[in-house]
Amino acid sequence: MKKPLALAGLICLTTACGGPAATTKAPDPAKLTLVERTAKATGPLERAVWLLDEEPGTLDLDADGGTPNRTIMSNVCERLMQTQPDMTVKPWLAEKAEQPDPKTMVLTLRQDATFHDGSPVTADDVVWSLERHAGKGMDESDEFEDVESVRKSGEHEVTIAFKRPNALFEQAIAGGAGIVLNRKVVEKLGKEYGTPGHEDACSGPYRLKEWKSGSTLTIERYDQYWNKSVKPLTKSITFQWAEETALVNGLVTGAAQGAYLSDTGPAVALQANPAVSVAYGATTRVYVLLPTSRGVMKDARIRRALSLAVDRAGIAKSAFSGLARPWKIPVGAGAWSYEKQAFQAAYDQLQGSPESPAVEEAKKLVQEAGSPKEAIVVATDGSQARTVIANAVVDAAKKIGLTAEIKTVPSSEFGSFYTDESLRAQVDLVPDDWYITKSDPIGFYDNGLTGSANNWVGFSSPGYDKLVASALETTDAAARAKDVIELQRRFTADMVWISLVEVPNALVLGGKVTGPPASQVHMGYPWAADLGAKG
């Protein structure tokens, strides 16, 4: 059953929701129906073509957990727990996850799961996989910072000991940290694992069939799949990579059957076309401004002033074709997998991030800060979203008695802001999008910890740090929500990051197919198993 996310009053605007095709005008995101799933598929498909933004560099998610890689391998590899389309988590390869005490987790494994070579998924494979994920330089290694040890404690049992309680680990093993690999296959392939021309090492409803480097990648239904309750209707799915124009053309002509979109422009362009349907789902993705400690942004009053003065409604309209909504916090509502009413109520009460500029209030803060004359340098890579945001910052600064200028950085270097302090020293604000793969906001707020790699402005609060530790150790959901809500208040009060707009997950399907989830879960849930023909 489809359930719209419990946010604003929502109405259905797309064919994916069962209504008429929308007009070319972007729907109002505040009135947008966010659906967990598209309509259930009932008919078989021999083959589907699915479009990605780019070709993956590897299918070894320990080496690179990028979005295209995850979107493919979520159908091939399985996890100990599994995130559902409503963003909740349930047991999967682990039949049970129990905590006899706050520093111990005992996983009872299913006894019927098998890998694609027919061998059983064993406790030894689980221990080896978790230790691999935890290895230095591995993509998921940060999830294991609180793990003391992982050991086989029974024929079908694995026990994880923690240095300190970790309320998020169950969600971590529903993500990349919980993927179980066939040790025998990975060790046999060595450095070749995850590269074109080689088998996968997984247990999911699809297996890797063929990867033609530079062209296509195909997965096929694994008919000996262990979980007989999962019955994929589509025999094979071929992934191709396309830029925006080719993506739109492929979907409209029927050359492709679907795509999860990272940009909103194609969704607006396609939603009026009767040949396709567009569905929007819950997300944790938010566009933000990350301040650095280079200049005037060190002053929290200037950060708050800029937040009050920036035109979020204008950014949503100009940068995202109207398919974004002004947003007060740095993580999307898709993270609210528990205590939703409490999170919503706390969100509604937050001040300091208005949809439309509060110029006079902002001016007072600038005056309190001594009306600094140093120019604020805001970065862009020339892309539409970042450029619109940069221009909005320049405009906002001017209106409140500050000056700002834009520095353009090559797209190939933009990601280096996260690793290169000398590059950050050249700018005051970096506009970027940010999402978490966990459906719990505490998965974000550690970015405000003293010394965090993403805390560029140097925010430091012993009370905040203590509260993060408390939330991470609190397994009671209601109690943890109280801690997270207080962290949210403190983070936004100091504008450690300046939140701008939330962008929904967007799924486009050809007119003859349906079934996959619309939420951000497609990077960890086997969405292809739900894909099929309309009845």
Protein backbone atom coordinates (compact mmCIF):
# COMPACT_ATOMS: atom_id res chain seq x y z
CA MET A 1 0.00 0.00 0.00
CA LYS A 2 1.28 3.46 -0.86
CA LYS A 3 1.64 5.82 2.05
CA PRO A 4 2.60 9.46 1.47
CA LEU A 5 5.30 10.73 3.80
CA ALA A 6 3.76 12.38 6.86
CA LEU A 7 4.72 15.96 6.05
CA ALA A 8 2.62 18.68 4.48
CA GLY A 9 -0.81 18.20 2.94
CA LEU A 10 -0.04 16.20 -0.20
CA ILE A 11 -1.80 15.68 -3.50
CA CYS A 12 -1.03 13.25 -6.34
CA LEU A 13 0.48 14.81 -9.43
CA THR A 14 2.10 12.07 -11.50
CA THR A 15 1.02 9.03 -13.45
CA ALA A 16 3.11 6.97 -11.06
CA CYS A 17 0.64 7.91 -8.35
CA GLY A 18 -2.29 6.72 -10.42
CA GLY A 19 -3.50 10.13 -11.59
CA PRO A 20 -3.32 12.02 -14.87
CA ALA A 21 -0.06 13.23 -16.37
CA ALA A 22 1.16 16.50 -14.91
CA THR A 23 1.69 19.71 -16.78
CA THR A 24 5.14 20.96 -17.74
CA LYS A 25 5.07 23.26 -14.73
CA ALA A 26 6.95 21.79 -11.79
CA PRO A 27 4.69 20.66 -8.95
CA ASP A 28 4.87 22.47 -5.64
CA PRO A 29 7.24 20.34 -3.53
CA ALA A 30 5.26 21.25 -0.41
CA LYS A 31 2.23 19.59 -2.05
CA LEU A 32 4.11 16.73 -3.65
CA THR A 33 3.08 13.18 -2.90
CA LEU A 34 6.10 11.20 -1.77
CA VAL A 35 5.46 7.51 -2.36
CA GLU A 36 7.34 4.55 -0.99
CA ARG A 37 6.60 2.35 -4.00
CA THR A 38 5.16 2.59 -7.47
CA ALA A 39 2.17 0.41 -8.36
CA LYS A 40 2.85 -3.33 -8.06
CA ALA A 41 3.97 -5.05 -11.25
CA THR A 42 2.02 -8.11 -12.37
CA GLY A 43 3.46 -9.05 -15.75
CA PRO A 44 6.82 -10.52 -16.80
CA LEU A 45 9.55 -8.69 -18.71
CA GLU A 46 12.17 -10.44 -20.79
CA ARG A 47 14.56 -7.49 -20.66
CA ALA A 48 14.74 -3.95 -19.35
CA VAL A 49 17.21 -1.14 -19.99
CA TRP A 50 18.06 1.06 -16.99
CA LEU A 51 19.92 4.35 -17.28
CA LEU A 52 22.67 5.65 -14.98
CA ASP A 53 24.50 8.97 -14.86
CA GLU A 54 27.85 7.29 -15.39
CA GLU A 55 29.57 3.95 -15.68
CA PRO A 56 30.82 2.50 -12.38
CA GLY A 57 34.57 2.26 -11.96
CA THR A 58 34.31 -0.96 -9.97
CA LEU A 59 31.64 -3.26 -8.56
CA ASP A 60 33.63 -3.80 -5.39
CA LEU A 61 31.69 -1.57 -3.01
CA ASP A 62 34.48 -1.71 -0.45
CA ALA A 63 36.66 0.10 -2.97
CA ASP A 64 34.01 2.57 -4.19
CA GLY A 65 30.47 2.91 -2.87
CA GLY A 66 29.37 5.48 -5.47
CA THR A 67 25.71 5.89 -6.42
CA PRO A 68 25.87 4.04 -9.80
CA ASN A 69 27.77 1.17 -8.18
CA ARG A 70 25.26 0.90 -5.33
CA THR A 71 22.26 1.16 -7.68
CA ILE A 72 23.46 -1.88 -9.63
CA MET A 73 24.83 -4.03 -6.83
CA SER A 74 21.85 -3.56 -4.50
CA ASN A 75 20.20 -6.21 -6.68
CA VAL A 76 23.18 -8.57 -6.66
CA CYS A 77 24.65 -8.40 -3.16
CA GLU A 78 22.73 -8.86 0.07
CA ARG A 79 23.12 -7.51 3.55
CA LEU A 80 22.66 -8.87 7.02
CA MET A 81 19.75 -6.45 7.46
CA GLN A 82 17.67 -4.86 4.72
CA THR A 83 16.31 -1.31 4.48
CA GLN A 84 12.71 -1.28 3.24
CA PRO A 85 11.03 1.23 0.89
CA ASP A 86 9.54 2.98 3.95
CA MET A 87 13.14 3.39 5.21
CA THR A 88 12.68 0.98 8.13
CA VAL A 89 15.08 -1.92 8.64
CA LYS A 90 14.34 -5.63 8.94
CA PRO A 91 16.43 -8.82 9.27
CA TRP A 92 17.62 -10.42 6.03
CA LEU A 93 20.67 -12.70 5.85
CA ALA A 94 20.63 -12.38 9.62
CA GLU A 95 17.44 -13.94 10.91
CA LYS A 96 17.77 -12.03 14.18
CA ALA A 97 19.94 -9.27 15.61
CA GLU A 98 19.82 -9.29 19.40
CA GLN A 99 21.65 -7.23 22.01
CA PRO A 100 22.01 -9.09 25.31
CA ASP A 101 23.78 -5.97 26.59
CA PRO A 102 24.47 -2.52 25.08
CA LYS A 103 28.00 -3.50 23.99
CA THR A 104 27.18 -6.84 22.36
CA MET A 105 25.23 -7.78 19.24
CA VAL A 106 24.45 -11.41 18.41
CA LEU A 107 23.47 -12.20 14.83
CA THR A 108 21.59 -15.42 14.18
CA LEU A 109 22.05 -16.28 10.50
CA ARG A 110 19.56 -17.82 8.11
CA GLN A 111 20.44 -21.41 7.29
CA ASP A 112 18.96 -21.52 3.79
CA ALA A 113 20.84 -18.64 2.09
CA THR A 114 23.25 -19.52 -0.72
CA PHE A 115 25.69 -17.65 -2.93
CA HIS A 116 25.42 -17.60 -6.72
CA ASP A 117 27.89 -20.50 -7.00
CA GLY A 118 25.52 -22.62 -4.90
CA SER A 119 27.63 -22.64 -1.74
CA PRO A 120 25.98 -21.75 1.59
CA VAL A 121 26.32 -18.35 3.25
CA THR A 122 28.23 -19.25 6.39
CA ALA A 123 29.18 -17.58 9.65
CA ASP A 124 32.79 -17.69 8.44
CA ASP A 125 31.80 -15.68 5.34
CA VAL A 126 30.03 -13.14 7.54
CA VAL A 127 33.01 -12.67 9.87
CA TRP A 128 35.42 -12.38 6.93
CA SER A 129 33.14 -9.89 5.12
CA LEU A 130 32.74 -7.64 8.15
CA GLU A 131 36.49 -7.67 8.75
CA ARG A 132 37.06 -6.77 5.09
CA HIS A 133 34.62 -3.85 5.30
CA ALA A 134 36.42 -2.64 8.43
CA GLY A 135 39.83 -2.66 6.76
CA LYS A 136 41.89 0.49 6.40
CA GLY A 137 40.84 2.55 3.40
CA MET A 138 37.67 0.55 2.76
CA ASP A 139 34.56 2.57 1.93
CA GLU A 140 32.62 1.41 5.01
CA SER A 141 35.52 1.34 7.47
CA ASP A 142 34.15 4.30 9.46
CA GLU A 143 31.13 2.19 10.45
CA PHE A 144 33.42 -0.09 12.46
CA GLU A 145 35.18 2.51 14.60
CA ASP A 146 33.25 1.36 17.69
CA VAL A 147 33.69 -2.37 16.95
CA GLU A 148 36.06 -4.22 19.29
CA SER A 149 35.79 -7.66 17.68
CA VAL A 150 33.78 -9.85 15.31
CA ARG A 151 33.78 -13.60 15.93
CA LYS A 152 31.96 -16.75 15.00
CA SER A 153 30.13 -17.83 18.15
CA GLY A 154 28.15 -20.75 16.74
CA GLU A 155 27.61 -22.65 13.51
CA HIS A 156 25.04 -20.06 12.43
CA GLU A 157 25.90 -17.25 14.83
CA VAL A 158 28.20 -14.23 14.84
CA THR A 159 28.89 -12.04 17.87
CA ILE A 160 30.04 -8.41 17.59
CA ALA A 161 31.59 -6.74 20.61
CA PHE A 162 31.66 -2.94 20.80
CA LYS A 163 34.06 -0.60 22.57
CA ARG A 164 31.02 1.49 23.48
CA PRO A 165 27.30 1.11 22.71
CA ASN A 166 26.40 1.92 19.09
CA ALA A 167 22.71 2.44 18.36
CA LEU A 168 23.37 2.82 14.61
CA PHE A 169 25.15 -0.44 13.88
CA GLU A 170 21.97 -2.30 13.01
CA GLN A 171 21.33 0.31 10.32
CA ALA A 172 24.97 0.18 9.23
CA ILE A 173 24.68 -3.54 8.46
CA ALA A 174 21.60 -2.79 6.37
CA GLY A 175 23.97 -0.73 4.22
CA GLY A 176 27.33 -1.44 2.66
CA ALA A 177 28.82 -2.43 6.03
CA GLY A 178 26.51 -5.47 6.13
CA ILE A 179 27.14 -6.92 2.66
CA VAL A 180 28.07 -10.60 2.91
CA LEU A 181 30.56 -11.79 0.30
CA ASN A 182 31.65 -15.25 -0.76
CA ARG A 183 35.16 -15.34 0.66
CA LYS A 184 36.27 -18.12 -1.67
CA VAL A 185 35.34 -16.16 -4.80
CA VAL A 186 36.81 -12.83 -3.66
CA GLU A 187 40.09 -14.39 -2.61
CA LYS A 188 40.31 -16.34 -5.87
CA LEU A 189 39.84 -13.18 -7.95
CA GLY A 190 42.04 -10.97 -5.80
CA LYS A 191 42.51 -7.54 -7.38
CA GLU A 192 40.31 -8.62 -10.30
CA TYR A 193 37.22 -8.80 -8.08
CA GLY A 194 34.72 -6.13 -9.14
CA THR A 195 36.27 -5.58 -12.58
CA PRO A 196 34.79 -6.36 -16.03
CA GLY A 197 34.81 -9.99 -17.11
CA HIS A 198 34.55 -11.54 -13.64
CA GLU A 199 31.79 -13.12 -11.56
CA ASP A 200 30.19 -11.55 -8.51
CA ALA A 201 30.54 -13.01 -5.02
CA CYS A 202 27.02 -12.44 -3.76
CA SER A 203 23.67 -14.04 -2.91
CA GLY A 204 20.97 -11.69 -4.26
CA PRO A 205 18.03 -12.21 -6.62
CA TYR A 206 20.18 -11.11 -9.59
CA ARG A 207 23.69 -12.07 -10.58
CA LEU A 208 26.24 -10.32 -12.75
CA LYS A 209 26.01 -11.59 -16.34
CA GLU A 210 28.23 -9.34 -18.44
CA TRP A 211 30.09 -6.04 -18.22
CA LYS A 212 31.21 -4.58 -21.52
CA SER A 213 33.50 -1.83 -20.33
CA GLY A 214 32.55 1.53 -21.82
CA SER A 215 29.23 0.22 -23.16
CA THR A 216 26.80 -1.77 -21.00
CA LEU A 217 26.48 -3.88 -17.87
CA THR A 218 23.88 -6.64 -17.56
CA ILE A 219 22.52 -8.49 -14.57
CA GLU A 220 20.24 -11.53 -14.88
CA ARG A 221 17.67 -13.13 -12.63
CA TYR A 222 19.17 -15.90 -10.52
CA ASP A 223 16.57 -18.64 -10.76
CA GLN A 224 18.07 -20.66 -7.90
CA TYR A 225 17.72 -17.69 -5.53
CA TRP A 226 17.34 -18.94 -1.98
CA ASN A 227 14.41 -16.73 -0.91
CA LYS A 228 11.39 -18.22 -2.69
CA SER A 229 9.11 -15.42 -1.43
CA VAL A 230 10.94 -13.03 -3.79
CA LYS A 231 9.88 -13.62 -7.40
CA PRO A 232 11.49 -11.15 -9.83
CA LEU A 233 9.42 -10.63 -12.98
CA THR A 234 12.21 -9.21 -15.12
CA LYS A 235 14.67 -11.71 -16.57
CA SER A 236 17.56 -9.37 -17.28
CA ILE A 237 18.41 -5.71 -16.82
CA THR A 238 20.98 -3.92 -18.94
CA PHE A 239 22.48 -0.76 -17.49
CA GLN A 240 23.58 2.03 -19.80
CA TRP A 241 24.97 5.46 -18.92
CA ALA A 242 23.68 8.64 -20.47
CA GLU A 243 23.86 12.40 -20.09
CA GLU A 244 20.65 14.34 -19.47
CA THR A 245 19.46 14.76 -23.08
CA ALA A 246 20.14 11.14 -24.02
CA LEU A 247 18.49 9.99 -20.80
CA VAL A 248 15.31 11.92 -21.55
CA ASN A 249 15.22 10.73 -25.18
CA GLY A 250 15.84 7.11 -24.20
CA LEU A 251 12.94 7.09 -21.75
CA VAL A 252 10.51 8.90 -24.06
CA THR A 253 11.21 6.67 -27.07
CA GLY A 254 10.99 3.48 -25.05
CA ALA A 255 14.63 2.58 -25.67
CA ALA A 256 14.99 2.54 -21.88
CA GLN A 257 12.53 1.49 -19.18
CA GLY A 258 13.68 3.49 -16.18
CA ALA A 259 16.13 5.62 -14.24
CA TYR A 260 16.68 7.04 -10.78
CA LEU A 261 17.53 10.69 -11.34
CA SER A 262 20.22 12.64 -9.53
CA ASP A 263 19.06 15.93 -11.11
CA THR A 264 15.52 17.26 -11.09
CA GLY A 265 15.51 18.88 -14.53
CA PRO A 266 14.68 15.68 -16.47
CA ALA A 267 11.84 14.89 -14.04
CA VAL A 268 10.14 18.19 -14.83
CA ALA A 269 10.76 17.74 -18.54
CA LEU A 270 9.33 14.21 -18.49
CA GLN A 271 6.38 14.45 -16.13
CA ALA A 272 4.08 15.90 -18.82
CA ASN A 273 4.93 13.15 -21.30
CA PRO A 274 2.32 10.37 -21.46
CA ALA A 275 5.03 7.89 -22.53
CA VAL A 276 6.52 7.86 -19.02
CA SER A 277 5.57 8.20 -15.38
CA VAL A 278 7.43 10.09 -12.68
CA ALA A 279 7.35 9.22 -8.98
CA TYR A 280 8.93 11.04 -6.07
CA GLY A 281 10.11 9.42 -2.86
CA ALA A 282 11.53 10.26 0.53
CA THR A 283 15.14 11.34 0.64
CA THR A 284 17.84 12.43 3.05
CA ARG A 285 19.41 14.67 0.37
CA VAL A 286 19.78 18.37 1.14
CA TYR A 287 21.71 21.16 -0.57
CA VAL A 288 23.75 23.09 1.96
CA LEU A 289 26.44 25.74 2.30
CA LEU A 290 29.54 24.46 4.10
CA PRO A 291 31.38 27.39 5.73
CA THR A 292 35.13 27.41 6.26
CA SER A 293 37.26 29.18 8.85
CA ARG A 294 39.07 31.32 6.25
CA GLY A 295 37.37 34.64 7.03
CA VAL A 296 34.15 36.21 8.26
CA MET A 297 32.17 32.96 8.27
CA LYS A 298 33.96 32.04 11.52
CA ASP A 299 31.47 34.36 13.23
CA ALA A 300 28.22 32.51 13.95
CA ARG A 301 26.34 35.82 13.73
CA ILE A 302 27.41 36.23 10.10
CA ARG A 303 26.42 32.63 9.34
CA ARG A 304 23.00 33.21 10.92
CA ALA A 305 22.60 36.51 9.05
CA LEU A 306 23.36 34.90 5.72
CA SER A 307 20.95 32.08 6.48
CA LEU A 308 18.21 34.63 7.18
CA ALA A 309 18.94 36.59 4.01
CA VAL A 310 19.32 33.86 1.39
CA ASP A 311 16.30 33.23 -0.85
CA ARG A 312 15.56 29.52 -0.45
CA ALA A 313 12.33 29.70 -2.42
CA GLY A 314 14.21 31.34 -5.28
CA ILE A 315 16.94 28.70 -5.19
CA ALA A 316 14.35 25.92 -5.31
CA LYS A 317 12.70 27.49 -8.34
CA SER A 318 15.80 28.49 -10.31
CA ALA A 319 18.26 25.71 -9.51
CA PHE A 320 15.91 22.75 -9.38
CA SER A 321 13.11 23.63 -11.81
CA GLY A 322 10.88 24.07 -8.76
CA LEU A 323 11.41 20.46 -7.69
CA ALA A 324 12.97 21.19 -4.33
CA ARG A 325 11.59 22.75 -1.19
CA PRO A 326 13.15 25.20 1.24
CA TRP A 327 14.57 23.20 4.13
CA LYS A 328 15.73 24.16 7.62
CA ILE A 329 18.02 21.27 8.56
CA PRO A 330 20.98 19.55 6.85
CA VAL A 331 19.39 16.11 6.51
CA GLY A 332 16.18 15.21 4.67
CA ALA A 333 12.98 13.85 6.18
CA GLY A 334 13.70 10.42 4.74
CA ALA A 335 15.90 9.92 7.81
CA TRP A 336 12.86 10.06 10.07
CA SER A 337 12.31 6.30 10.25
CA TYR A 338 11.14 6.54 13.87
CA GLU A 339 9.44 9.14 16.06
CA LYS A 340 8.31 10.99 12.90
CA GLN A 341 5.84 13.20 14.72
CA ALA A 342 8.47 14.32 17.21
CA PHE A 343 10.96 15.14 14.44
CA GLN A 344 8.31 16.99 12.44
CA ALA A 345 7.15 19.04 15.43
CA ALA A 346 10.73 20.01 16.29
CA TYR A 347 11.42 20.91 12.67
CA ASP A 348 8.35 23.16 12.51
CA GLN A 349 9.56 25.14 15.53
CA LEU A 350 13.01 25.93 14.15
CA GLN A 351 13.78 29.53 13.27
CA GLY A 352 16.59 31.06 11.27
CA SER A 353 16.10 29.40 7.87
CA PRO A 354 13.11 31.16 6.28
CA GLU A 355 11.73 30.33 2.84
CA SER A 356 11.92 34.01 1.84
CA PRO A 357 14.57 36.47 3.04
CA ALA A 358 14.27 38.12 6.46
CA VAL A 359 16.53 41.03 5.52
CA GLU A 360 15.98 43.41 8.45
CA GLU A 361 16.62 40.73 11.05
CA ALA A 362 19.76 39.72 9.17
CA LYS A 363 21.02 43.31 9.03
CA LYS A 364 20.88 43.57 12.82
CA LEU A 365 23.12 40.52 13.19
CA VAL A 366 25.62 41.96 10.70
CA GLN A 367 25.74 45.20 12.71
CA GLU A 368 26.26 43.25 15.94
CA ALA A 369 29.19 41.51 14.24
CA GLY A 370 30.79 44.87 13.38
CA SER A 371 29.71 45.03 9.72
CA PRO A 372 32.84 43.29 8.37
CA LYS A 373 34.13 44.50 5.00
CA GLU A 374 36.05 41.38 3.97
CA ALA A 375 34.48 39.74 0.92
CA ILE A 376 32.84 36.33 1.31
CA VAL A 377 34.17 33.97 -1.38
CA VAL A 378 31.67 31.31 -2.46
CA ALA A 379 32.71 28.40 -4.67
CA THR A 380 31.02 26.93 -7.73
CA ASP A 381 32.01 24.47 -10.41
CA GLY A 382 29.80 26.07 -13.03
CA SER A 383 26.96 23.56 -12.64
CA GLN A 384 23.46 25.01 -12.59
CA ALA A 385 22.62 24.24 -8.95
CA ARG A 386 25.88 25.44 -7.45
CA THR A 387 25.97 28.53 -9.66
CA VAL A 388 22.41 29.54 -8.74
CA ILE A 389 23.27 29.06 -5.06
CA ALA A 390 26.48 31.08 -5.40
CA ASN A 391 24.61 33.94 -7.07
CA ALA A 392 21.94 33.80 -4.36
CA VAL A 393 24.66 34.18 -1.71
CA VAL A 394 26.13 37.21 -3.51
CA ASP A 395 22.67 38.79 -3.70
CA ALA A 396 21.86 38.04 -0.05
CA ALA A 397 25.18 39.44 1.15
CA LYS A 398 24.66 42.69 -0.74
CA LYS A 399 21.20 43.20 0.77
CA ILE A 400 22.48 42.97 4.35
CA GLY A 401 25.59 45.08 4.07
CA LEU A 402 28.14 42.39 3.24
CA THR A 403 30.05 41.72 0.04
CA ALA A 404 30.53 38.38 -1.68
CA GLU A 405 32.22 37.12 -4.80
CA ILE A 406 32.29 33.84 -6.72
CA LYS A 407 35.28 31.59 -7.32
CA THR A 408 34.88 28.97 -10.04
CA VAL A 409 36.65 25.66 -9.48
CA PRO A 410 36.86 22.88 -12.13
CA SER A 411 34.31 20.11 -11.56
CA SER A 412 37.13 17.58 -11.39
CA GLU A 413 38.55 19.42 -8.36
CA PHE A 414 35.34 20.28 -6.52
CA GLY A 415 35.36 17.12 -4.43
CA SER A 416 38.83 18.03 -3.21
CA PHE A 417 37.31 20.60 -0.83
CA TYR A 418 36.68 17.61 1.48
CA THR A 419 40.32 16.52 1.54
CA ASP A 420 42.47 19.55 0.62
CA GLU A 421 42.77 22.18 3.36
CA SER A 422 44.74 24.49 1.07
CA LEU A 423 41.82 24.55 -1.37
CA ARG A 424 39.34 25.28 1.42
CA ALA A 425 41.59 28.15 2.54
CA GLN A 426 40.70 29.96 -0.70
CA VAL A 427 36.93 30.12 -0.09
CA ASP A 428 34.40 30.88 2.65
CA LEU A 429 31.41 28.85 1.47
CA VAL A 430 31.07 25.63 -0.52
CA PRO A 431 27.60 24.79 -1.88
CA ASP A 432 27.03 21.05 -2.17
CA ASP A 433 24.45 18.32 -1.76
CA TRP A 434 24.68 15.85 1.09
CA TYR A 435 22.81 12.67 1.93
CA ILE A 436 23.15 9.83 4.41
CA THR A 437 22.32 6.21 3.66
CA LYS A 438 20.97 5.58 7.16
CA SER A 439 17.40 6.38 8.08
CA ASP A 440 18.36 8.04 11.36
CA PRO A 441 19.40 11.71 11.63
CA ILE A 442 22.12 10.88 14.16
CA GLY A 443 23.95 9.49 11.14
CA PHE A 444 24.49 13.12 10.12
CA TYR A 445 25.08 15.14 13.27
CA ASP A 446 28.50 13.69 14.03
CA ASN A 447 29.65 16.18 11.36
CA GLY A 448 29.39 18.83 14.07
CA LEU A 449 31.80 17.10 16.44
CA THR A 450 34.92 18.95 17.52
CA GLY A 451 37.60 18.09 14.97
CA SER A 452 35.26 16.32 12.54
CA ALA A 453 36.67 16.16 9.01
CA ASN A 454 33.54 17.92 7.72
CA ASN A 455 33.43 20.58 10.47
CA TRP A 456 35.44 23.10 8.44
CA VAL A 457 34.37 26.18 10.37
CA GLY A 458 35.86 24.90 13.61
CA PHE A 459 32.64 24.67 15.62
CA SER A 460 33.47 23.21 19.02
CA SER A 461 31.13 22.48 21.91
CA PRO A 462 31.84 19.93 24.68
CA GLY A 463 28.11 19.78 25.35
CA TYR A 464 27.38 18.99 21.71
CA ASP A 465 30.10 16.33 21.61
CA LYS A 466 28.72 14.72 24.75
CA LEU A 467 25.21 14.71 23.29
CA VAL A 468 26.40 12.98 20.10
CA ALA A 469 28.00 10.27 22.20
CA SER A 470 24.82 9.91 24.24
CA ALA A 471 22.62 9.62 21.15
CA LEU A 472 24.91 7.05 19.53
CA GLU A 473 24.76 4.95 22.69
CA THR A 474 21.00 5.23 23.22
CA THR A 475 19.15 2.22 21.83
CA ASP A 476 15.72 3.41 23.03
CA ALA A 477 14.21 5.18 20.01
CA ALA A 478 12.19 7.82 21.87
CA ALA A 479 15.13 8.76 24.10
CA ARG A 480 17.49 8.91 21.12
CA ALA A 481 15.06 11.14 19.22
CA LYS A 482 15.16 13.65 22.11
CA ASP A 483 18.95 13.77 21.94
CA VAL A 484 18.93 14.12 18.14
CA ILE A 485 16.34 16.90 18.25
CA GLU A 486 18.53 18.82 20.69
CA LEU A 487 21.56 18.26 18.43
CA GLN A 488 19.50 19.54 15.51
CA ARG A 489 18.63 22.67 17.49
CA ARG A 490 22.24 23.35 18.46
CA PHE A 491 23.63 22.64 14.98
CA THR A 492 21.16 25.00 13.29
CA ALA A 493 21.42 27.66 16.01
CA ASP A 494 25.12 28.05 15.21
CA MET A 495 24.64 27.33 11.49
CA VAL A 496 27.57 24.92 11.46
CA TRP A 497 26.28 24.27 7.95
CA ILE A 498 23.61 26.48 6.30
CA SER A 499 20.77 24.34 5.00
CA LEU A 500 19.01 25.44 1.80
CA VAL A 501 16.67 22.99 0.05
CA GLU A 502 15.61 19.36 0.21
CA VAL A 503 15.53 17.51 -3.12
CA PRO A 504 13.17 14.50 -3.43
CA ASN A 505 14.26 11.18 -4.86
CA ALA A 506 12.99 10.97 -8.43
CA LEU A 507 12.16 7.80 -10.37
CA VAL A 508 11.15 7.79 -14.05
CA LEU A 509 9.58 4.70 -15.58
CA GLY A 510 8.53 3.87 -19.12
CA GLY A 511 4.78 3.68 -19.62
CA LYS A 512 4.68 -0.12 -19.75
CA VAL A 513 6.55 -0.90 -16.52
CA THR A 514 6.08 -0.36 -12.80
CA GLY A 515 7.03 -1.73 -9.39
CA PRO A 516 10.32 -0.29 -8.03
CA PRO A 517 10.43 1.81 -4.86
CA ALA A 518 10.56 5.58 -5.32
CA SER A 519 12.45 6.31 -2.10
CA GLN A 520 16.22 6.66 -1.74
CA VAL A 521 16.31 3.00 -0.67
CA HIS A 522 17.33 1.90 -4.18
CA MET A 523 20.99 2.11 -3.16
CA GLY A 524 20.60 -0.73 -0.69
CA TYR A 525 17.34 -2.55 -1.49
CA PRO A 526 16.91 -4.98 -4.47
CA TRP A 527 14.60 -2.68 -6.43
CA ALA A 528 14.92 -4.67 -9.67
CA ALA A 529 13.16 -7.59 -7.99
CA ASP A 530 10.03 -5.38 -7.91
CA LEU A 531 10.28 -4.29 -11.56
CA GLY A 532 7.86 -5.75 -14.10
CA ALA A 533 5.15 -5.06 -16.64
CA LYS A 534 1.94 -3.28 -15.80
CA GLY A 535 -1.07 -5.52 -15.54
